[in-house]
C-alpha atoms as a PDB file:
ATOM      1  CA  MET A   1      12.639   6.150  24.272  1.00  0.00           C
ATOM      2  CA  LYS A   2      11.419   9.727  24.037  1.00  0.00           C
ATOM      3  CA  ILE A   3       7.693  10.474  24.087  1.00  0.00           C
ATOM      4  CA  ILE A   4       6.528  13.685  22.368  1.00  0.00           C
ATOM      5  CA  LYS A   5       2.915  14.657  22.976  1.00  0.00           C
ATOM      6  CA  ASP A   6       0.661  15.684  20.120  1.00  0.00           C
ATOM      7  CA  LYS A   7       0.274  19.229  21.432  1.00  0.00           C
ATOM      8  CA  ASP A   8       4.056  19.655  21.295  1.00  0.00           C
ATOM      9  CA  LEU A   9       4.406  18.074  17.841  1.00  0.00           C
ATOM     10  CA  PRO A  10       1.126  18.367  15.871  1.00  0.00           C
ATOM     11  CA  GLN A  11       0.705  15.687  13.232  1.00  0.00           C
ATOM     12  CA  GLY A  12       1.376  17.077   9.763  1.00  0.00           C
ATOM     13  CA  SER A  13       3.359  20.097  10.995  1.00  0.00           C
ATOM     14  CA  GLN A  14       6.808  20.886   9.576  1.00  0.00           C
ATOM     15  CA  GLU A  15       8.362  19.974  12.915  1.00  0.00           C
ATOM     16  CA  TRP A  16       6.572  16.607  12.748  1.00  0.00           C
ATOM     17  CA  LEU A  17       7.878  16.048   9.204  1.00  0.00           C
ATOM     18  CA  ASP A  18      11.401  16.967  10.296  1.00  0.00           C
ATOM     19  CA  VAL A  19      11.298  14.383  13.083  1.00  0.00           C
ATOM     20  CA  ARG A  20      10.008  11.723  10.684  1.00  0.00           C
ATOM     21  CA  SER A  21      12.886  12.385   8.284  1.00  0.00           C
ATOM     22  CA  GLN A  22      15.426  11.549  11.004  1.00  0.00           C
ATOM     23  CA  TYR A  23      13.891   8.267  12.125  1.00  0.00           C
ATOM     24  CA  GLY A  24      12.659   5.093  10.485  1.00  0.00           C
ATOM     25  CA  MET A  25       8.957   5.260  11.306  1.00  0.00           C
ATOM     26  CA  ALA A  26       6.574   2.370  11.931  1.00  0.00           C
ATOM     27  CA  SER A  27       4.197   3.402   9.126  1.00  0.00           C
ATOM     28  CA  GLU A  28       7.144   3.160   6.707  1.00  0.00           C
ATOM     29  CA  VAL A  29       8.213  -0.381   7.518  1.00  0.00           C
ATOM     30  CA  GLY A  30       5.867  -1.876   4.915  1.00  0.00           C
ATOM     31  CA  ALA A  31       7.714   0.031   2.180  1.00  0.00           C
ATOM     32  CA  LEU A  32      11.060  -0.809   3.760  1.00  0.00           C
ATOM     33  CA  LEU A  33      10.327  -4.535   3.512  1.00  0.00           C
ATOM     34  CA  GLY A  34       8.552  -4.335   0.159  1.00  0.00           C
ATOM     35  CA  VAL A  35       5.077  -5.375   1.343  1.00  0.00           C
ATOM     36  CA  SER A  36       3.214  -2.053   1.193  1.00  0.00           C
ATOM     37  CA  LYS A  37       0.045  -1.935  -0.909  1.00  0.00           C
ATOM     38  CA  TRP A  38       0.427   1.802  -1.435  1.00  0.00           C
ATOM     39  CA  GLU A  39       3.192   4.221  -2.373  1.00  0.00           C
ATOM     40  CA  PRO A  40       5.953   4.159  -1.364  1.00  0.00           C
ATOM     41  CA  LYS A  41       6.449   0.436  -1.995  1.00  0.00           C
ATOM     42  CA  THR A  42      10.239   0.100  -1.824  1.00  0.00           C
ATOM     43  CA  ALA A  43      13.134   1.306   0.321  1.00  0.00           C
ATOM     44  CA  LEU A  44      14.390   3.541  -2.506  1.00  0.00           C
ATOM     45  CA  ALA A  45      10.951   5.106  -3.009  1.00  0.00           C
ATOM     46  CA  LEU A  46      10.776   5.679   0.744  1.00  0.00           C
ATOM     47  CA  TYR A  47      14.212   7.328   0.693  1.00  0.00           C
ATOM     48  CA  LYS A  48      13.074   9.763  -2.019  1.00  0.00           C
ATOM     49  CA  ILE A  49      10.110  10.785   0.116  1.00  0.00           C
ATOM     50  CA  LYS A  50      12.085  11.132   3.338  1.00  0.00           C
ATOM     51  CA  THR A  51      14.685  13.317   1.563  1.00  0.00           C
ATOM     52  CA  GLY A  52      12.006  15.500  -0.032  1.00  0.00           C
ATOM     53  CA  GLU A  53      12.793  14.447  -3.605  1.00  0.00           C
ATOM     54  CA  VAL A  54       9.255  13.099  -4.018  1.00  0.00           C
ATOM     55  CA  LYS A  55       6.091  14.203  -2.249  1.00  0.00           C
ATOM     56  CA  ILE A  56       3.054  12.041  -1.485  1.00  0.00           C
ATOM     57  CA  GLU A  57      -0.240  13.856  -1.898  1.00  0.00           C
ATOM     58  CA  THR A  58      -2.980  13.065   0.585  1.00  0.00           C
ATOM     59  CA  ASN A  59      -5.997  11.286  -0.861  1.00  0.00           C
ATOM     60  CA  PHE A  60      -9.616  11.022   0.258  1.00  0.00           C
ATOM     61  CA  ALA A  61      -9.052   7.771   2.153  1.00  0.00           C
ATOM     62  CA  MET A  62      -6.198   9.359   4.137  1.00  0.00           C
ATOM     63  CA  GLU A  63      -8.266  12.462   4.872  1.00  0.00           C
ATOM     64  CA  HIS A  64     -11.164  10.267   5.967  1.00  0.00           C
ATOM     65  CA  GLY A  65      -8.930   8.385   8.407  1.00  0.00           C
ATOM     66  CA  ASN A  66      -7.511  11.596   9.891  1.00  0.00           C
ATOM     67  CA  LYS A  67     -10.963  13.169  10.173  1.00  0.00           C
ATOM     68  CA  TYR A  68     -12.490  10.344  12.198  1.00  0.00           C
ATOM     69  CA  GLU A  69      -9.456   9.248  14.229  1.00  0.00           C
ATOM     70  CA  ASP A  70     -10.503  11.228  17.315  1.00  0.00           C
ATOM     71  CA  GLU A  71     -14.042   9.834  17.152  1.00  0.00           C
ATOM     72  CA  ALA A  72     -12.686   6.308  16.800  1.00  0.00           C
ATOM     73  CA  ARG A  73     -10.370   6.802  19.765  1.00  0.00           C
ATOM     74  CA  GLU A  74     -13.196   8.127  21.943  1.00  0.00           C
ATOM     75  CA  MET A  75     -15.346   5.120  21.064  1.00  0.00           C
ATOM     76  CA  PHE A  76     -12.491   2.765  21.971  1.00  0.00           C
ATOM     77  CA  GLU A  77     -11.837   4.619  25.237  1.00  0.00           C
ATOM     78  CA  ASP A  78     -15.527   4.419  26.164  1.00  0.00           C
ATOM     79  CA  ASP A  79     -15.447   0.660  25.622  1.00  0.00           C
ATOM     80  CA  MET A  80     -12.221   0.219  27.593  1.00  0.00           C
ATOM     81  CA  GLY A  81     -12.896   2.729  30.373  1.00  0.00           C
ATOM     82  CA  ALA A  82      -9.460   4.358  30.052  1.00  0.00           C
ATOM     83  CA  LYS A  83      -7.605   7.031  28.043  1.00  0.00           C
ATOM     84  CA  TRP A  84      -4.967   6.681  25.299  1.00  0.00           C
ATOM     85  CA  GLU A  85      -3.083   9.798  24.228  1.00  0.00           C
ATOM     86  CA  PRO A  86      -1.781  10.378  20.666  1.00  0.00           C
ATOM     87  CA  VAL A  87       2.008  10.784  20.832  1.00  0.00           C
ATOM     88  CA  VAL A  88       5.193  10.364  18.802  1.00  0.00           C
ATOM     89  CA  ALA A  89       7.727   7.909  20.213  1.00  0.00           C
ATOM     90  CA  VAL A  90      11.340   7.971  19.006  1.00  0.00           C
ATOM     91  CA  GLY A  91      14.583   6.378  20.100  1.00  0.00           C
ATOM     92  CA  GLU A  92      17.499   4.198  19.087  1.00  0.00           C
ATOM     93  CA  HIS A  93      17.605   0.421  19.021  1.00  0.00           C
ATOM     94  CA  ASN A  94      21.117  -0.975  18.699  1.00  0.00           C
ATOM     95  CA  GLY A  95      22.120   2.466  17.457  1.00  0.00           C
ATOM     96  CA  ILE A  96      19.420   2.507  14.769  1.00  0.00           C
ATOM     97  CA  PRO A  97      17.037   5.543  14.868  1.00  0.00           C
ATOM     98  CA  ILE A  98      13.439   4.312  14.803  1.00  0.00           C
ATOM     99  CA  GLY A  99      10.135   5.863  15.769  1.00  0.00           C
ATOM    100  CA  ALA A 100       6.360   5.656  15.611  1.00  0.00           C
ATOM    101  CA  SER A 101       3.438   8.067  15.470  1.00  0.00           C
ATOM    102  CA  LEU A 102       1.030   6.431  17.889  1.00  0.00           C
ATOM    103  CA  ASP A 103      -2.720   6.966  17.615  1.00  0.00           C
ATOM    104  CA  GLY A 104      -2.830   6.237  21.323  1.00  0.00           C
ATOM    105  CA  TYR A 105      -0.422   5.451  24.171  1.00  0.00           C
ATOM    106  CA  ARG A 106      -1.329   4.685  27.774  1.00  0.00           C
ATOM    107  CA  GLU A 107       1.696   5.426  29.917  1.00  0.00           C
ATOM    108  CA  LYS A 108       0.226   3.687  32.970  1.00  0.00           C
ATOM    109  CA  ASP A 109       0.493   0.223  31.431  1.00  0.00           C
ATOM    110  CA  GLY A 110       2.552   0.926  28.297  1.00  0.00           C
ATOM    111  CA  THR A 111      -0.157  -0.234  25.908  1.00  0.00           C
ATOM    112  CA  VAL A 112      -0.420   1.111  22.356  1.00  0.00           C
ATOM    113  CA  LEU A 113      -3.479   1.895  20.238  1.00  0.00           C
ATOM    114  CA  GLU A 114      -3.455   1.754  16.424  1.00  0.00           C
ATOM    115  CA  ILE A 115      -6.587   3.041  14.665  1.00  0.00           C
ATOM    116  CA  LYS A 116      -7.807   2.380  11.138  1.00  0.00           C
ATOM    117  CA  CYS A 117     -10.932   4.007   9.687  1.00  0.00           C
ATOM    118  CA  PRO A 118     -11.481   2.373   6.278  1.00  0.00           C
ATOM    119  CA  LEU A 119     -13.868   4.133   3.919  1.00  0.00           C
ATOM    120  CA  LYS A 120     -16.205   1.142   3.634  1.00  0.00           C
ATOM    121  CA  GLY A 121     -16.186   0.363   7.346  1.00  0.00           C
ATOM    122  CA  ALA A 122     -17.425  -3.155   8.090  1.00  0.00           C
ATOM    123  CA  ALA A 123     -17.633  -3.820   4.333  1.00  0.00           C
ATOM    124  CA  SER A 124     -13.958  -2.974   3.787  1.00  0.00           C
ATOM    125  CA  ASP A 125     -11.344  -5.563   2.848  1.00  0.00           C
ATOM    126  CA  LEU A 126      -9.494  -4.761   6.076  1.00  0.00           C
ATOM    127  CA  TRP A 127     -12.490  -5.409   8.349  1.00  0.00           C
ATOM    128  CA  ILE A 128     -13.425  -8.598   6.495  1.00  0.00           C
ATOM    129  CA  GLU A 129      -9.876  -9.954   6.553  1.00  0.00           C
ATOM    130  CA  VAL A 130      -9.371  -9.312  10.278  1.00  0.00           C
ATOM    131  CA  ALA A 131     -12.818 -10.693  11.169  1.00  0.00           C
ATOM    132  CA  LYS A 132     -12.430 -13.774   8.987  1.00  0.00           C
ATOM    133  CA  THR A 133      -8.785 -14.727   9.588  1.00  0.00           C
ATOM    134  CA  ASP A 134      -8.095 -13.090  12.967  1.00  0.00           C
ATOM    135  CA  ARG A 135      -4.892 -11.780  11.351  1.00  0.00           C
ATOM    136  CA  LEU A 136      -3.767  -8.352  10.185  1.00  0.00           C
ATOM    137  CA  PRO A 137      -2.562  -7.547   6.667  1.00  0.00           C
ATOM    138  CA  GLU A 138       1.221  -7.935   6.678  1.00  0.00           C
ATOM    139  CA  GLN A 139       2.106  -4.261   6.361  1.00  0.00           C
ATOM    140  CA  TYR A 140      -0.155  -3.354   9.300  1.00  0.00           C
ATOM    141  CA  TRP A 141       1.150  -6.241  11.384  1.00  0.00           C
ATOM    142  CA  LEU A 142       4.732  -5.074  10.783  1.00  0.00           C
ATOM    143  CA  GLN A 143       3.720  -1.496  11.626  1.00  0.00           C
ATOM    144  CA  CYS A 144       2.343  -2.728  14.952  1.00  0.00           C
ATOM    145  CA  GLN A 145       5.490  -4.753  15.620  1.00  0.00           C
ATOM    146  CA  GLN A 146       7.662  -1.659  15.219  1.00  0.00           C
ATOM    147  CA  GLN A 147       5.350   0.388  17.437  1.00  0.00           C
ATOM    148  CA  MET A 148       5.830  -2.163  20.206  1.00  0.00           C
ATOM    149  CA  LEU A 149       9.560  -2.355  19.485  1.00  0.00           C
ATOM    150  CA  VAL A 150       9.958   1.408  19.875  1.00  0.00           C
ATOM    151  CA  THR A 151       7.871   1.644  23.043  1.00  0.00           C
ATOM    152  CA  GLY A 152       8.798  -1.693  24.596  1.00  0.00           C
ATOM    153  CA  SER A 153       5.070  -2.416  24.820  1.00  0.00           C
ATOM    154  CA  LYS A 154       3.852  -5.971  25.331  1.00  0.00           C
ATOM    155  CA  LYS A 155       0.331  -5.266  24.115  1.00  0.00           C
ATOM    156  CA  LEU A 156      -1.133  -3.313  21.198  1.00  0.00           C
ATOM    157  CA  TYR A 157      -4.808  -2.755  20.454  1.00  0.00           C
ATOM    158  CA  PHE A 158      -5.603  -2.690  16.715  1.00  0.00           C
ATOM    159  CA  TRP A 159      -8.946  -0.908  16.374  1.00  0.00           C
ATOM    160  CA  VAL A 160     -10.826  -0.870  13.043  1.00  0.00           C
ATOM    161  CA  TYR A 161     -13.620   1.697  13.202  1.00  0.00           C
ATOM    162  CA  ASP A 162     -16.793   1.805  11.109  1.00  0.00           C
ATOM    163  CA  VAL A 163     -17.775   5.477  10.941  1.00  0.00           C
ATOM    164  CA  LYS A 164     -21.227   4.907   9.461  1.00  0.00           C
ATOM    165  CA  ASN A 165     -22.336   2.356  12.056  1.00  0.00           C
ATOM    166  CA  THR A 166     -20.187   3.752  14.912  1.00  0.00           C
ATOM    167  CA  SER A 167     -18.904   0.271  15.648  1.00  0.00           C
ATOM    168  CA  GLY A 168     -15.432  -1.183  16.009  1.00  0.00           C
ATOM    169  CA  LEU A 169     -13.484  -4.382  15.506  1.00  0.00           C
ATOM    170  CA  LEU A 170     -10.684  -5.055  17.982  1.00  0.00           C
ATOM    171  CA  LYS A 171      -7.617  -7.244  17.499  1.00  0.00           C
ATOM    172  CA  LEU A 172      -4.963  -7.708  20.193  1.00  0.00           C
ATOM    173  CA  VAL A 173      -1.366  -7.808  18.919  1.00  0.00           C
ATOM    174  CA  THR A 174       1.650  -9.008  20.907  1.00  0.00           C
ATOM    175  CA  PRO A 175       5.385  -8.753  20.122  1.00  0.00           C
ATOM    176  CA  ASP A 176       7.025 -11.132  17.673  1.00  0.00           C
ATOM    177  CA  LYS A 177      10.800 -11.137  18.230  1.00  0.00           C
ATOM    178  CA  LYS A 178      11.622 -12.645  14.841  1.00  0.00           C
ATOM    179  CA  ALA A 179       9.654  -9.947  13.036  1.00  0.00           C
ATOM    180  CA  GLN A 180      11.147  -7.192  15.190  1.00  0.00           C
ATOM    181  CA  ASP A 181      14.669  -8.484  14.527  1.00  0.00           C
ATOM    182  CA  SER A 182      13.994  -8.393  10.781  1.00  0.00           C
ATOM    183  CA  ILE A 183      12.716  -4.817  11.096  1.00  0.00           C
ATOM    184  CA  ILE A 184      15.869  -3.677  12.897  1.00  0.00           C
ATOM    185  CA  SER A 185      18.029  -5.463  10.329  1.00  0.00           C
ATOM    186  CA  ALA A 186      16.177  -3.766   7.475  1.00  0.00           C
ATOM    187  CA  TRP A 187      16.480  -0.301   9.041  1.00  0.00           C
ATOM    188  CA  GLU A 188      20.174  -0.919   9.729  1.00  0.00           C
ATOM    189  CA  LYS A 189      20.678  -1.673   6.030  1.00  0.00           C
ATOM    190  CA  TYR A 190      18.585   1.355   5.024  1.00  0.00           C
ATOM    191  CA  TRP A 191      20.542   3.858   7.126  1.00  0.00           C
ATOM    192  CA  GLY A 192      23.880   2.271   6.207  1.00  0.00           C
ATOM    193  CA  GLU A 193      23.295   2.325   2.453  1.00  0.00           C
ATOM    194  CA  GLN A 194      21.964   5.632   1.169  1.00  0.00           C
ATOM    195  CA  PRO A 195      20.430   5.802  -1.277  1.00  0.00           C
ATOM    196  CA  PRO A 196      19.202   2.194  -1.046  1.00  0.00           C
ATOM    197  CA  GLN A 197      19.770  -0.061  -4.022  1.00  0.00           C
ATOM    198  CA  ALA A 198      16.986  -0.094  -6.611  1.00  0.00           C
ATOM    199  CA  THR A 199      14.812  -3.186  -6.875  1.00  0.00           C
ATOM    200  CA  ALA A 200      12.896  -4.450  -9.906  1.00  0.00           C
ATOM    201  CA  ALA A 201       9.870  -2.533  -8.575  1.00  0.00           C
ATOM    202  CA  ASP A 202      11.729   0.822  -8.726  1.00  0.00           C
ATOM    203  CA  VAL A 203      11.708   3.024 -11.820  1.00  0.00           C
ATOM    204  CA  VAL A 204      15.210   4.442 -12.306  1.00  0.00           C
ATOM    205  CA  VAL A 205      16.459   7.035 -14.790  1.00  0.00           C
ATOM    206  CA  VAL A 206      18.774   5.519 -17.424  1.00  0.00           C
ATOM    207  CA  ASP A 207      20.986   7.780 -19.521  1.00  0.00           C
ATOM    208  CA  ASP A 208      23.472   5.461 -21.245  1.00  0.00           C
ATOM    209  CA  SER A 209      23.782   5.848 -25.014  1.00  0.00           C
ATOM    210  CA  ALA A 210      22.593   2.336 -25.913  1.00  0.00           C
ATOM    211  CA  TRP A 211      19.322   2.770 -24.005  1.00  0.00           C
ATOM    212  CA  LEU A 212      18.694   6.288 -25.351  1.00  0.00           C
ATOM    213  CA  SER A 213      19.294   5.150 -28.941  1.00  0.00           C
ATOM    214  CA  LYS A 214      16.892   2.218 -28.666  1.00  0.00           C
ATOM    215  CA  ALA A 215      14.374   4.380 -26.810  1.00  0.00           C
ATOM    216  CA  ARG A 216      14.292   6.883 -29.698  1.00  0.00           C
ATOM    217  CA  GLU A 217      13.971   4.023 -32.193  1.00  0.00           C
ATOM    218  CA  TRP A 218      11.101   2.468 -30.244  1.00  0.00           C
ATOM    219  CA  ARG A 219       9.257   5.791 -29.992  1.00  0.00           C
ATOM    220  CA  ALA A 220       9.470   6.236 -33.764  1.00  0.00           C
ATOM    221  CA  VAL A 221       8.234   2.681 -34.415  1.00  0.00           C
ATOM    222  CA  GLN A 222       5.465   3.187 -31.834  1.00  0.00           C
ATOM    223  CA  GLU A 223       4.155   6.198 -33.747  1.00  0.00           C
ATOM    224  CA  LEU A 224       4.121   4.216 -36.996  1.00  0.00           C
ATOM    225  CA  TYR A 225       2.421   1.308 -35.233  1.00  0.00           C
ATOM    226  CA  LYS A 226      -0.235   3.612 -33.788  1.00  0.00           C
ATOM    227  CA  ASP A 227      -1.085   5.001 -37.238  1.00  0.00           C
ATOM    228  CA  LEU A 228      -1.149   1.531 -38.812  1.00  0.00           C
ATOM    229  CA  LYS A 229      -3.299   0.139 -35.983  1.00  0.00           C
ATOM    230  CA  GLU A 230      -5.872   2.902 -36.415  1.00  0.00           C
ATOM    231  CA  ARG A 231      -5.979   2.237 -40.172  1.00  0.00           C
ATOM    232  CA  GLU A 232      -6.226  -1.535 -39.608  1.00  0.00           C
ATOM    233  CA  GLU A 233      -9.148  -1.084 -37.195  1.00  0.00           C
ATOM    234  CA  ALA A 234     -10.974   1.137 -39.697  1.00  0.00           C
ATOM    235  CA  ILE A 235     -10.528  -1.376 -42.560  1.00  0.00           C
ATOM    236  CA  ARG A 236     -11.530  -4.227 -40.234  1.00  0.00           C
ATOM    237  CA  ALA A 237     -14.774  -2.436 -39.385  1.00  0.00           C
ATOM    238  CA  GLU A 238     -15.492  -1.904 -43.103  1.00  0.00           C
ATOM    239  CA  LEU A 239     -14.914  -5.592 -43.872  1.00  0.00           C
ATOM    240  CA  ILE A 240     -17.253  -6.634 -41.041  1.00  0.00           C
ATOM    241  CA  GLU A 241     -19.939  -4.319 -42.408  1.00  0.00           C
ATOM    242  CA  LEU A 242     -19.472  -5.626 -45.975  1.00  0.00           C
ATOM    243  CA  SER A 243     -19.832  -9.225 -44.749  1.00  0.00           C
ATOM    244  CA  ARG A 244     -23.433  -8.539 -43.578  1.00  0.00           C
ATOM    245  CA  GLY A 245     -23.073 -11.049 -40.752  1.00  0.00           C
ATOM    246  CA  GLN A 246     -21.885 -13.855 -43.026  1.00  0.00           C
ATOM    247  CA  SER A 247     -18.556 -15.634 -42.525  1.00  0.00           C
ATOM    248  CA  CYS A 248     -16.642 -15.253 -45.769  1.00  0.00           C
ATOM    249  CA  MET A 249     -13.242 -15.160 -47.476  1.00  0.00           C
ATOM    250  CA  GLY A 250     -11.636 -13.590 -50.519  1.00  0.00           C
ATOM    251  CA  GLY A 251      -8.530 -11.723 -51.587  1.00  0.00           C
ATOM    252  CA  GLY A 252      -6.440 -13.737 -49.146  1.00  0.00           C
ATOM    253  CA  VAL A 253      -8.562 -12.675 -46.151  1.00  0.00           C
ATOM    254  CA  GLN A 254     -11.008 -14.763 -44.138  1.00  0.00           C
ATOM    255  CA  LEU A 255     -13.649 -13.320 -41.815  1.00  0.00           C
ATOM    256  CA  LYS A 256     -15.391 -15.693 -39.428  1.00  0.00           C
ATOM    257  CA  HIS A 257     -18.279 -14.685 -37.213  1.00  0.00           C
ATOM    258  CA  SER A 258     -18.546 -16.372 -33.820  1.00  0.00           C
ATOM    259  CA  GLU A 259     -19.896 -15.718 -30.348  1.00  0.00           C
ATOM    260  CA  SER A 260     -18.218 -16.487 -27.028  1.00  0.00           C
ATOM    261  CA  LYS A 261     -19.569 -16.681 -23.521  1.00  0.00           C
ATOM    262  CA  GLY A 262     -19.120 -13.691 -21.244  1.00  0.00           C
ATOM    263  CA  ARG A 263     -16.724 -13.745 -18.297  1.00  0.00           C
ATOM    264  CA  VAL A 264     -17.928 -15.048 -14.951  1.00  0.00           C
ATOM    265  CA  ASN A 265     -18.367 -12.281 -12.364  1.00  0.00           C
ATOM    266  CA  TYR A 266     -17.106 -14.160  -9.315  1.00  0.00           C
ATOM    267  CA  ALA A 267     -17.930 -11.225  -7.033  1.00  0.00           C
ATOM    268  CA  LYS A 268     -21.635 -11.939  -7.534  1.00  0.00           C
ATOM    269  CA  ILE A 269     -21.423 -15.605  -6.497  1.00  0.00           C
ATOM    270  CA  LYS A 270     -22.626 -15.658  -2.880  1.00  0.00           C
ATOM    271  CA  GLU A 271     -21.143 -19.107  -2.234  1.00  0.00           C
ATOM    272  CA  LEU A 272     -17.659 -17.712  -2.942  1.00  0.00           C
ATOM    273  CA  LYS A 273     -18.001 -14.739  -0.596  1.00  0.00           C
ATOM    274  CA  ASN A 274     -15.806 -16.258   2.113  1.00  0.00           C
ATOM    275  CA  VAL A 275     -13.569 -18.274  -0.197  1.00  0.00           C
ATOM    276  CA  ASN A 276     -10.004 -17.062  -0.639  1.00  0.00           C
ATOM    277  CA  LEU A 277      -9.585 -17.303  -4.419  1.00  0.00           C
ATOM    278  CA  GLU A 278      -5.872 -16.546  -4.067  1.00  0.00           C
ATOM    279  CA  ASP A 279      -5.444 -20.187  -3.040  1.00  0.00           C
ATOM    280  CA  TYR A 280      -6.487 -21.166  -6.568  1.00  0.00           C
ATOM    281  CA  ARG A 281      -4.356 -18.646  -8.462  1.00  0.00           C
ATOM    282  CA  GLY A 282      -1.706 -19.968 -10.881  1.00  0.00           C
ATOM    283  CA  ALA A 283       2.005 -19.145 -10.878  1.00  0.00           C
ATOM    284  CA  SER A 284       3.102 -15.527 -11.286  1.00  0.00           C
ATOM    285  CA  VAL A 285       3.884 -14.272 -14.800  1.00  0.00           C
ATOM    286  CA  THR A 286       6.408 -11.508 -15.491  1.00  0.00           C
ATOM    287  CA  ARG A 287       5.271  -8.956 -18.073  1.00  0.00           C
ATOM    288  CA  HIS A 288       7.037  -5.899 -19.455  1.00  0.00           C
ATOM    289  CA  TYR A 289       5.238  -2.661 -20.365  1.00  0.00           C
ATOM    290  CA  LEU A 290       6.594   0.138 -22.538  1.00  0.00           C
ATOM    291  CA  LYS A 291       4.961   3.536 -23.001  1.00  0.00           C
ATOM    292  CA  VAL A 292       5.877   6.952 -24.328  1.00  0.00           C
ATOM    293  CA  ILE A 293       6.489   9.509 -21.540  1.00  0.00           C
END
């Protein structure tokens, strides 16, 4: 393992980006295994970013996290009575190049620090999930597992920091060999198969004649449908006005007036605040969406 200090490889610099392109990084493992909540979400999408084909723009949440990372680290260090230095760790595991940008590393005992500064602090989904379940979201847990894999660490501190209240939530993470083996296997497949195969979640460019012909036909029908829908909505509104609130029929058309109850806003039910509604969700349904681009 090679440790590169932040002063020698500033986060966000071109040199930092170059290093990241050569190694499978811990923050990327969620995309690699298809469990990331944010872009990139697949191995192919990750490949396009690492090769420079696609660029990810920073958003406010990312800027917020970067802005308060030092403050969060100082608060953690004050609580622990020790120092953790931000570094980049890279190396090879079974010949596979992997790495991690560490928010903090304590060389004396080999412990790692991972910091999250969610916008909503203690009211964020992350804080609530960790506090309630004592578990990390899967993509963060896998990120931590790779950080420990790269460094050989036996202990990682996961620190969620509330900027507004200057308070933190700490979760201790230890190595999971099964998870780390799956990470190595996934990176081995990634580096051995470039570009990675597309999954159903990837949007790929299709240029065969059959697709292009049907695509042109669909676009033409879509335009007709749009015009007809606008006309239908206008006539519908006129019929409703002519009915004067009375259900009626004539000319082969029936108009019936009725009222339905509004939807339940489950977020406002206090008794459901700590209930995981996902446990009551039905089976997944596959839908297909077409749009003109």
